[in-house]
Amino acid sequence: MKKIIYILIMFNFLISEEQNNFSFSIGALNERTGQTLVNFAYNLYSKDNFEVFVSIGNVFPIIPQYSGGFGLKKYFIIPKQERVNPFIALSAFRRLENALFNKKQQDCLYFASGISVFIAPIRRTDIKTYFQIGVSLLNDFDDGSDELGFINFEFRF
């Protein structure tokens, strides 16, 4: 299964014509893999404000609690408003085992809804900066569901 995912990602690198296929976010949680402070994502497919992505993240930069998964994200266009875009996201991911905190591996479903506000491009680069805020529902199948909020900065390149 891992080989198939790697092949699909590499194939997508070769045929992709879209800009901003990568995103890096940092902040209090995020909309792609839930309870992560640092997140890196790659869009496998992106068209008409719809994205299919794979994503990895780390809960705490010091404590090794990693998550990885895939999902869908849909942006909604507000007429005459180019900087603010509401969105919804649905993802499935796995939190990896952490012996330090006696955490076992968990499969999770995650639903998020929020707004993405375009701030500005970073000078002399193709990196665009966004501020995101919203609410989410996380179901980890072991501990039940949690309602969470998120606030982060996302860099798309």
C-alpha atoms as a PDB file:
ATOM      1  CA  MET A   1       0.000   0.000   0.000  1.00  0.00           C
ATOM      2  CA  LYS A   2       2.827   2.422   0.840  1.00  0.00           C
ATOM      3  CA  LYS A   3       4.435   1.783  -2.547  1.00  0.00           C
ATOM      4  CA  ILE A   4       1.198   2.673  -4.329  1.00  0.00           C
ATOM      5  CA  ILE A   5       0.941   5.958  -2.408  1.00  0.00           C
ATOM      6  CA  TYR A   6       4.566   6.821  -3.216  1.00  0.00           C
ATOM      7  CA  ILE A   7       4.003   6.051  -6.912  1.00  0.00           C
ATOM      8  CA  LEU A   8       0.867   8.236  -7.014  1.00  0.00           C
ATOM      9  CA  ILE A   9       2.692  11.141  -5.375  1.00  0.00           C
ATOM     10  CA  MET A  10       5.667  10.875  -7.734  1.00  0.00           C
ATOM     11  CA  PHE A  11       3.357  10.575 -10.762  1.00  0.00           C
ATOM     12  CA  ASN A  12       1.515  13.686  -9.623  1.00  0.00           C
ATOM     13  CA  PHE A  13       4.805  15.633  -9.445  1.00  0.00           C
ATOM     14  CA  LEU A  14       5.349  14.823 -13.111  1.00  0.00           C
ATOM     15  CA  ILE A  15       1.883  15.771 -14.425  1.00  0.00           C
ATOM     16  CA  SER A  16       0.885  18.595 -12.082  1.00  0.00           C
ATOM     17  CA  GLU A  17       0.415  22.034 -13.593  1.00  0.00           C
ATOM     18  CA  GLU A  18      -1.162  23.653 -10.551  1.00  0.00           C
ATOM     19  CA  GLN A  19       0.707  26.185  -8.444  1.00  0.00           C
ATOM     20  CA  ASN A  20       0.840  26.054  -4.653  1.00  0.00           C
ATOM     21  CA  ASN A  21       0.646  22.259  -4.282  1.00  0.00           C
ATOM     22  CA  PHE A  22       2.508  22.321  -0.961  1.00  0.00           C
ATOM     23  CA  SER A  23       1.409  23.861   2.309  1.00  0.00           C
ATOM     24  CA  PHE A  24       3.082  24.275   5.670  1.00  0.00           C
ATOM     25  CA  SER A  25       1.091  25.430   8.686  1.00  0.00           C
ATOM     26  CA  ILE A  26       2.097  26.342  12.185  1.00  0.00           C
ATOM     27  CA  GLY A  27      -0.198  27.292  15.032  1.00  0.00           C
ATOM     28  CA  ALA A  28      -2.656  25.938  17.564  1.00  0.00           C
ATOM     29  CA  LEU A  29      -3.996  22.863  15.735  1.00  0.00           C
ATOM     30  CA  ASN A  30      -4.972  22.828  12.064  1.00  0.00           C
ATOM     31  CA  GLU A  31      -7.681  21.830   9.612  1.00  0.00           C
ATOM     32  CA  ARG A  32      -5.890  18.869   7.980  1.00  0.00           C
ATOM     33  CA  THR A  33      -4.668  16.488  10.689  1.00  0.00           C
ATOM     34  CA  GLY A  34      -6.264  17.928  13.767  1.00  0.00           C
ATOM     35  CA  GLN A  35      -4.133  18.027  16.862  1.00  0.00           C
ATOM     36  CA  THR A  36      -0.859  19.077  15.288  1.00  0.00           C
ATOM     37  CA  LEU A  37       1.091  22.260  15.839  1.00  0.00           C
ATOM     38  CA  VAL A  38       3.291  21.863  12.771  1.00  0.00           C
ATOM     39  CA  ASN A  39       1.818  20.391   9.590  1.00  0.00           C
ATOM     40  CA  PHE A  40       3.088  19.727   6.065  1.00  0.00           C
ATOM     41  CA  ALA A  41       0.678  18.820   3.251  1.00  0.00           C
ATOM     42  CA  TYR A  42       0.840  18.063  -0.443  1.00  0.00           C
ATOM     43  CA  ASN A  43      -2.169  18.434  -2.746  1.00  0.00           C
ATOM     44  CA  LEU A  44      -2.553  15.352  -4.896  1.00  0.00           C
ATOM     45  CA  TYR A  45      -5.373  17.028  -6.818  1.00  0.00           C
ATOM     46  CA  SER A  46      -6.455  20.639  -6.923  1.00  0.00           C
ATOM     47  CA  LYS A  47      -9.146  22.133  -9.135  1.00  0.00           C
ATOM     48  CA  ASP A  48     -11.963  24.665  -8.792  1.00  0.00           C
ATOM     49  CA  ASN A  49     -11.311  25.365  -5.085  1.00  0.00           C
ATOM     50  CA  PHE A  50     -11.302  21.647  -4.254  1.00  0.00           C
ATOM     51  CA  GLU A  51      -8.236  19.812  -2.913  1.00  0.00           C
ATOM     52  CA  VAL A  52      -7.332  16.206  -2.225  1.00  0.00           C
ATOM     53  CA  PHE A  53      -4.292  16.096   0.046  1.00  0.00           C
ATOM     54  CA  VAL A  54      -1.884  13.928   1.998  1.00  0.00           C
ATOM     55  CA  SER A  55      -0.580  15.399   5.212  1.00  0.00           C
ATOM     56  CA  ILE A  56       1.839  14.774   8.071  1.00  0.00           C
ATOM     57  CA  GLY A  57       2.095  16.670  11.310  1.00  0.00           C
ATOM     58  CA  ASN A  58       3.675  16.773  14.732  1.00  0.00           C
ATOM     59  CA  VAL A  59       1.768  17.489  17.928  1.00  0.00           C
ATOM     60  CA  PHE A  60       4.678  19.021  19.773  1.00  0.00           C
ATOM     61  CA  PRO A  61       8.051  19.804  18.226  1.00  0.00           C
ATOM     62  CA  ILE A  62       9.794  18.475  21.348  1.00  0.00           C
ATOM     63  CA  ILE A  63       7.561  15.444  22.012  1.00  0.00           C
ATOM     64  CA  PRO A  64       7.408  12.937  19.149  1.00  0.00           C
ATOM     65  CA  GLN A  65       3.666  12.450  18.523  1.00  0.00           C
ATOM     66  CA  TYR A  66       3.170  12.294  14.754  1.00  0.00           C
ATOM     67  CA  SER A  67       0.060  12.062  12.597  1.00  0.00           C
ATOM     68  CA  GLY A  68      -0.298  11.241   8.929  1.00  0.00           C
ATOM     69  CA  GLY A  69      -3.309  10.945   6.679  1.00  0.00           C
ATOM     70  CA  PHE A  70      -5.280  12.140   3.679  1.00  0.00           C
ATOM     71  CA  GLY A  71      -8.387  14.179   3.089  1.00  0.00           C
ATOM     72  CA  LEU A  72     -10.501  16.622   1.118  1.00  0.00           C
ATOM     73  CA  LYS A  73     -10.790  20.392   1.420  1.00  0.00           C
ATOM     74  CA  LYS A  74     -13.328  22.640  -0.336  1.00  0.00           C
ATOM     75  CA  TYR A  75     -13.103  26.437  -0.424  1.00  0.00           C
ATOM     76  CA  PHE A  76     -16.191  28.564  -0.997  1.00  0.00           C
ATOM     77  CA  ILE A  77     -15.986  31.794  -2.963  1.00  0.00           C
ATOM     78  CA  ILE A  78     -17.613  34.943  -1.624  1.00  0.00           C
ATOM     79  CA  PRO A  79     -18.525  37.251  -4.528  1.00  0.00           C
ATOM     80  CA  LYS A  80     -16.457  40.467  -4.614  1.00  0.00           C
ATOM     81  CA  GLN A  81     -14.281  39.172  -1.752  1.00  0.00           C
ATOM     82  CA  GLU A  82     -11.010  37.614  -2.844  1.00  0.00           C
ATOM     83  CA  ARG A  83      -9.112  37.633   0.463  1.00  0.00           C
ATOM     84  CA  VAL A  84     -11.553  35.687   2.680  1.00  0.00           C
ATOM     85  CA  ASN A  85     -12.635  32.126   1.830  1.00  0.00           C
ATOM     86  CA  PRO A  86     -14.749  29.874   4.056  1.00  0.00           C
ATOM     87  CA  PHE A  87     -13.861  26.184   3.797  1.00  0.00           C
ATOM     88  CA  ILE A  88     -14.727  22.705   4.983  1.00  0.00           C
ATOM     89  CA  ALA A  89     -12.293  19.809   5.322  1.00  0.00           C
ATOM     90  CA  LEU A  90     -12.689  16.101   5.981  1.00  0.00           C
ATOM     91  CA  SER A  91      -9.711  13.865   6.691  1.00  0.00           C
ATOM     92  CA  ALA A  92      -8.778  10.419   7.927  1.00  0.00           C
ATOM     93  CA  PHE A  93      -5.451  10.061   9.666  1.00  0.00           C
ATOM     94  CA  ARG A  94      -3.448   7.900  12.023  1.00  0.00           C
ATOM     95  CA  ARG A  95      -1.727   9.081  15.173  1.00  0.00           C
ATOM     96  CA  LEU A  96       1.416   7.038  15.645  1.00  0.00           C
ATOM     97  CA  GLU A  97       2.309   5.298  18.875  1.00  0.00           C
ATOM     98  CA  ASN A  98       4.204   7.231  21.555  1.00  0.00           C
ATOM     99  CA  ALA A  99       5.757   5.104  24.302  1.00  0.00           C
ATOM    100  CA  LEU A 100       6.876   8.172  26.270  1.00  0.00           C
ATOM    101  CA  PHE A 101       3.273   9.154  27.063  1.00  0.00           C
ATOM    102  CA  ASN A 102       1.849   5.635  26.854  1.00  0.00           C
ATOM    103  CA  LYS A 103      -0.208   6.541  23.789  1.00  0.00           C
ATOM    104  CA  LYS A 104      -1.119   3.786  21.376  1.00  0.00           C
ATOM    105  CA  GLN A 105      -1.666   4.144  17.664  1.00  0.00           C
ATOM    106  CA  GLN A 106      -5.093   5.607  16.857  1.00  0.00           C
ATOM    107  CA  ASP A 107      -7.129   5.956  13.676  1.00  0.00           C
ATOM    108  CA  CYS A 108      -9.089   9.197  13.509  1.00  0.00           C
ATOM    109  CA  LEU A 109     -11.734  10.970  11.435  1.00  0.00           C
ATOM    110  CA  TYR A 110     -11.654  14.744  11.428  1.00  0.00           C
ATOM    111  CA  PHE A 111     -14.124  17.355  10.187  1.00  0.00           C
ATOM    112  CA  ALA A 112     -13.194  21.045  10.168  1.00  0.00           C
ATOM    113  CA  SER A 113     -14.851  24.244   9.054  1.00  0.00           C
ATOM    114  CA  GLY A 114     -13.429  27.738   9.126  1.00  0.00           C
ATOM    115  CA  ILE A 115     -12.188  30.727   7.185  1.00  0.00           C
ATOM    116  CA  SER A 116      -8.919  31.310   5.386  1.00  0.00           C
ATOM    117  CA  VAL A 117      -7.750  34.924   5.067  1.00  0.00           C
ATOM    118  CA  PHE A 118      -5.075  35.770   2.512  1.00  0.00           C
ATOM    119  CA  ILE A 119      -2.455  38.010   4.141  1.00  0.00           C
ATOM    120  CA  ALA A 120       0.227  38.576   1.509  1.00  0.00           C
ATOM    121  CA  PRO A 121       2.799  36.850  -0.650  1.00  0.00           C
ATOM    122  CA  ILE A 122       6.321  36.652   0.710  1.00  0.00           C
ATOM    123  CA  ARG A 123       8.531  38.955  -1.330  1.00  0.00           C
ATOM    124  CA  ARG A 124      10.648  37.472  -4.111  1.00  0.00           C
ATOM    125  CA  THR A 125       9.117  34.024  -3.609  1.00  0.00           C
ATOM    126  CA  ASP A 126       6.057  32.100  -4.734  1.00  0.00           C
ATOM    127  CA  ILE A 127       4.939  31.584  -1.110  1.00  0.00           C
ATOM    128  CA  LYS A 128       1.503  32.895  -0.121  1.00  0.00           C
ATOM    129  CA  THR A 129       0.617  33.474   3.533  1.00  0.00           C
ATOM    130  CA  TYR A 130      -2.842  32.780   4.994  1.00  0.00           C
ATOM    131  CA  PHE A 131      -4.384  33.111   8.452  1.00  0.00           C
ATOM    132  CA  GLN A 132      -6.929  30.393   9.313  1.00  0.00           C
ATOM    133  CA  ILE A 133      -9.392  30.055  12.155  1.00  0.00           C
ATOM    134  CA  GLY A 134     -12.251  27.649  12.709  1.00  0.00           C
ATOM    135  CA  VAL A 135     -13.858  24.792  14.615  1.00  0.00           C
ATOM    136  CA  SER A 136     -13.564  21.045  14.240  1.00  0.00           C
ATOM    137  CA  LEU A 137     -14.832  17.670  15.371  1.00  0.00           C
ATOM    138  CA  LEU A 138     -12.341  14.850  15.988  1.00  0.00           C
ATOM    139  CA  ASN A 139     -13.349  11.199  16.421  1.00  0.00           C
ATOM    140  CA  ASP A 140     -10.519   8.843  17.401  1.00  0.00           C
ATOM    141  CA  PHE A 141     -12.650   5.683  17.875  1.00  0.00           C
ATOM    142  CA  ASP A 142     -11.062   4.955  21.291  1.00  0.00           C
ATOM    143  CA  ASP A 143     -11.704   8.034  23.388  1.00  0.00           C
ATOM    144  CA  GLY A 144     -14.823   9.260  21.605  1.00  0.00           C
ATOM    145  CA  SER A 145     -15.126  12.648  19.964  1.00  0.00           C
ATOM    146  CA  ASP A 146     -13.728  16.071  20.818  1.00  0.00           C
ATOM    147  CA  GLU A 147     -14.842  19.489  19.685  1.00  0.00           C
ATOM    148  CA  LEU A 148     -11.833  21.689  19.024  1.00  0.00           C
ATOM    149  CA  GLY A 149     -10.950  25.084  17.659  1.00  0.00           C
ATOM    150  CA  PHE A 150      -7.923  25.897  15.538  1.00  0.00           C
ATOM    151  CA  ILE A 151      -5.953  28.982  14.653  1.00  0.00           C
ATOM    152  CA  ASN A 152      -2.849  28.908  12.476  1.00  0.00           C
ATOM    153  CA  PHE A 153      -0.785  30.455   9.717  1.00  0.00           C
ATOM    154  CA  GLU A 154      -0.523  28.539   6.469  1.00  0.00           C
ATOM    155  CA  PHE A 155       2.177  29.020   3.849  1.00  0.00           C
ATOM    156  CA  ARG A 156       1.301  27.709   0.365  1.00  0.00           C
ATOM    157  CA  PHE A 157       3.974  27.179  -2.245  1.00  0.00           C
END
